[in-house]
């Protein structure tokens, strides 16, 4: 009996605008950097390796890792704010009914 593994490959297309603008604008509050972090987070969620991201984006692995970590922190922070807002709304609705 033989056992085979089915592997799904993810083809990552580099958004050229992200790379060009990332290289031109290194500001920490840059919207372009935010776009890059969102893109890296999506790649991470799709199980794309750091090496693949680095290869396709033309950025070194350390940059990918640090930007990905910042993207994860921002995403977690947004999720917390969203959950707090939903909880607050739920509590206001519950107290107004009761």
C-alpha atoms as a PDB file:
ATOM      1  CA  UNK A   1       0.000   0.000   0.000  1.00  0.00           C
ATOM      2  CA  UNK A   2       1.414   3.368  -0.945  1.00  0.00           C
ATOM      3  CA  UNK A   3       0.557   6.654   0.643  1.00  0.00           C
ATOM      4  CA  UNK A   4       0.756   9.848  -1.376  1.00  0.00           C
ATOM      5  CA  UNK A   5       0.615  13.417  -0.273  1.00  0.00           C
ATOM      6  CA  UNK A   6      -1.240  16.001  -2.221  1.00  0.00           C
ATOM      7  CA  UNK A   7       0.577  19.311  -2.180  1.00  0.00           C
ATOM      8  CA  UNK A   8      -1.059  22.555  -3.160  1.00  0.00           C
ATOM      9  CA  UNK A   9       1.274  25.195  -4.526  1.00  0.00           C
ATOM     10  CA  UNK A  10       0.451  28.842  -4.113  1.00  0.00           C
ATOM     11  CA  UNK A  11       1.597  31.087  -6.939  1.00  0.00           C
ATOM     12  CA  UNK A  12       2.340  34.524  -5.567  1.00  0.00           C
ATOM     13  CA  UNK A  13       2.205  37.380  -8.007  1.00  0.00           C
ATOM     14  CA  UNK A  14       4.191  40.386  -6.947  1.00  0.00           C
ATOM     15  CA  UNK A  15       2.194  43.571  -7.041  1.00  0.00           C
ATOM     16  CA  UNK A  16       4.690  45.824  -8.859  1.00  0.00           C
ATOM     17  CA  UNK A  17       3.279  48.985  -7.361  1.00  0.00           C
ATOM     18  CA  UNK A  18       3.886  47.693  -3.826  1.00  0.00           C
ATOM     19  CA  UNK A  19       7.555  47.064  -4.463  1.00  0.00           C
ATOM     20  CA  UNK A  20       8.171  50.328  -6.315  1.00  0.00           C
ATOM     21  CA  UNK A  21       6.445  52.476  -3.730  1.00  0.00           C
ATOM     22  CA  UNK A  22       7.941  50.535  -0.832  1.00  0.00           C
ATOM     23  CA  UNK A  23      11.428  51.255  -2.124  1.00  0.00           C
ATOM     24  CA  UNK A  24      10.664  54.958  -2.711  1.00  0.00           C
ATOM     25  CA  UNK A  25       8.829  55.691   0.525  1.00  0.00           C
ATOM     26  CA  UNK A  26      10.404  54.337   3.681  1.00  0.00           C
ATOM     27  CA  UNK A  27       8.299  56.413   6.101  1.00  0.00           C
ATOM     28  CA  UNK A  28       6.994  54.409   9.096  1.00  0.00           C
ATOM     29  CA  UNK A  29       3.458  55.806   8.766  1.00  0.00           C
ATOM     30  CA  UNK A  30       3.358  55.176   5.042  1.00  0.00           C
ATOM     31  CA  UNK A  31       0.185  53.761   3.496  1.00  0.00           C
ATOM     32  CA  UNK A  32       2.430  51.852   1.099  1.00  0.00           C
ATOM     33  CA  UNK A  33       4.078  50.061   3.973  1.00  0.00           C
ATOM     34  CA  UNK A  34       0.650  49.245   5.339  1.00  0.00           C
ATOM     35  CA  UNK A  35      -0.291  47.742   1.964  1.00  0.00           C
ATOM     36  CA  UNK A  36       2.881  45.663   2.021  1.00  0.00           C
ATOM     37  CA  UNK A  37       2.079  44.420   5.533  1.00  0.00           C
ATOM     38  CA  UNK A  38      -1.444  43.456   4.478  1.00  0.00           C
ATOM     39  CA  UNK A  39      -0.032  41.603   1.483  1.00  0.00           C
ATOM     40  CA  UNK A  40       2.539  39.790   3.656  1.00  0.00           C
ATOM     41  CA  UNK A  41      -0.141  38.876   6.184  1.00  0.00           C
ATOM     42  CA  UNK A  42      -2.315  37.414   3.416  1.00  0.00           C
ATOM     43  CA  UNK A  43       0.669  35.419   2.147  1.00  0.00           C
ATOM     44  CA  UNK A  44       1.378  34.192   5.667  1.00  0.00           C
ATOM     45  CA  UNK A  45      -2.238  33.108   6.121  1.00  0.00           C
ATOM     46  CA  UNK A  46      -1.968  31.231   2.819  1.00  0.00           C
ATOM     47  CA  UNK A  47       1.111  29.416   4.213  1.00  0.00           C
ATOM     48  CA  UNK A  48       3.560  31.048   1.806  1.00  0.00           C
ATOM     49  CA  UNK A  49       7.084  30.716   3.177  1.00  0.00           C
ATOM     50  CA  UNK A  50       9.261  33.685   4.090  1.00  0.00           C
ATOM     51  CA  UNK A  51      11.748  32.492   1.477  1.00  0.00           C
ATOM     52  CA  UNK A  52       9.082  32.547  -1.250  1.00  0.00           C
ATOM     53  CA  UNK A  53       7.862  35.988  -0.198  1.00  0.00           C
ATOM     54  CA  UNK A  54      11.442  37.232  -0.198  1.00  0.00           C
ATOM     55  CA  UNK A  55      12.125  35.780  -3.641  1.00  0.00           C
ATOM     56  CA  UNK A  56       9.002  37.199  -5.270  1.00  0.00           C
ATOM     57  CA  UNK A  57       9.150  40.605  -3.604  1.00  0.00           C
ATOM     58  CA  UNK A  58      12.886  41.047  -3.940  1.00  0.00           C
ATOM     59  CA  UNK A  59      13.251  41.926  -0.263  1.00  0.00           C
ATOM     60  CA  UNK A  60      15.544  40.263   2.260  1.00  0.00           C
ATOM     61  CA  UNK A  61      14.083  37.774   4.730  1.00  0.00           C
ATOM     62  CA  UNK A  62      14.697  40.009   7.748  1.00  0.00           C
ATOM     63  CA  UNK A  63      12.660  42.819   6.186  1.00  0.00           C
ATOM     64  CA  UNK A  64       9.863  40.382   5.366  1.00  0.00           C
ATOM     65  CA  UNK A  65       9.852  39.040   8.931  1.00  0.00           C
ATOM     66  CA  UNK A  66       9.860  42.458  10.602  1.00  0.00           C
ATOM     67  CA  UNK A  67       7.149  43.878   8.324  1.00  0.00           C
ATOM     68  CA  UNK A  68       5.074  40.698   8.764  1.00  0.00           C
ATOM     69  CA  UNK A  69       5.335  40.962  12.558  1.00  0.00           C
ATOM     70  CA  UNK A  70       4.226  44.597  12.408  1.00  0.00           C
ATOM     71  CA  UNK A  71       1.331  43.574  10.163  1.00  0.00           C
ATOM     72  CA  UNK A  72       0.276  40.847  12.600  1.00  0.00           C
ATOM     73  CA  UNK A  73       0.420  43.303  15.519  1.00  0.00           C
ATOM     74  CA  UNK A  74      -1.705  45.832  13.614  1.00  0.00           C
ATOM     75  CA  UNK A  75      -4.218  43.141  12.639  1.00  0.00           C
ATOM     76  CA  UNK A  76      -4.474  41.911  16.244  1.00  0.00           C
ATOM     77  CA  UNK A  77      -4.958  45.475  17.448  1.00  0.00           C
ATOM     78  CA  UNK A  78      -7.720  46.066  14.895  1.00  0.00           C
ATOM     79  CA  UNK A  79      -9.427  42.834  15.957  1.00  0.00           C
ATOM     80  CA  UNK A  80      -9.320  43.869  19.631  1.00  0.00           C
ATOM     81  CA  UNK A  81     -10.816  47.290  18.828  1.00  0.00           C
ATOM     82  CA  UNK A  82     -13.514  45.666  16.718  1.00  0.00           C
ATOM     83  CA  UNK A  83     -14.366  43.188  19.489  1.00  0.00           C
ATOM     84  CA  UNK A  84     -14.430  45.950  22.109  1.00  0.00           C
ATOM     85  CA  UNK A  85     -16.768  48.037  19.944  1.00  0.00           C
ATOM     86  CA  UNK A  86     -19.088  45.064  19.382  1.00  0.00           C
ATOM     87  CA  UNK A  87     -19.115  44.253  23.104  1.00  0.00           C
ATOM     88  CA  UNK A  88     -19.829  47.871  23.982  1.00  0.00           C
ATOM     89  CA  UNK A  89     -22.705  48.015  21.487  1.00  0.00           C
ATOM     90  CA  UNK A  90     -24.078  44.717  22.801  1.00  0.00           C
ATOM     91  CA  UNK A  91     -23.971  45.988  26.394  1.00  0.00           C
ATOM     92  CA  UNK A  92     -25.681  49.267  25.425  1.00  0.00           C
ATOM     93  CA  UNK A  93     -28.437  47.365  23.622  1.00  0.00           C
ATOM     94  CA  UNK A  94     -28.895  45.006  26.594  1.00  0.00           C
ATOM     95  CA  UNK A  95     -29.173  47.850  29.114  1.00  0.00           C
ATOM     96  CA  UNK A  96     -31.591  49.846  26.951  1.00  0.00           C
ATOM     97  CA  UNK A  97     -33.952  46.857  26.749  1.00  0.00           C
ATOM     98  CA  UNK A  98     -33.889  45.989  30.319  1.00  0.00           C
END
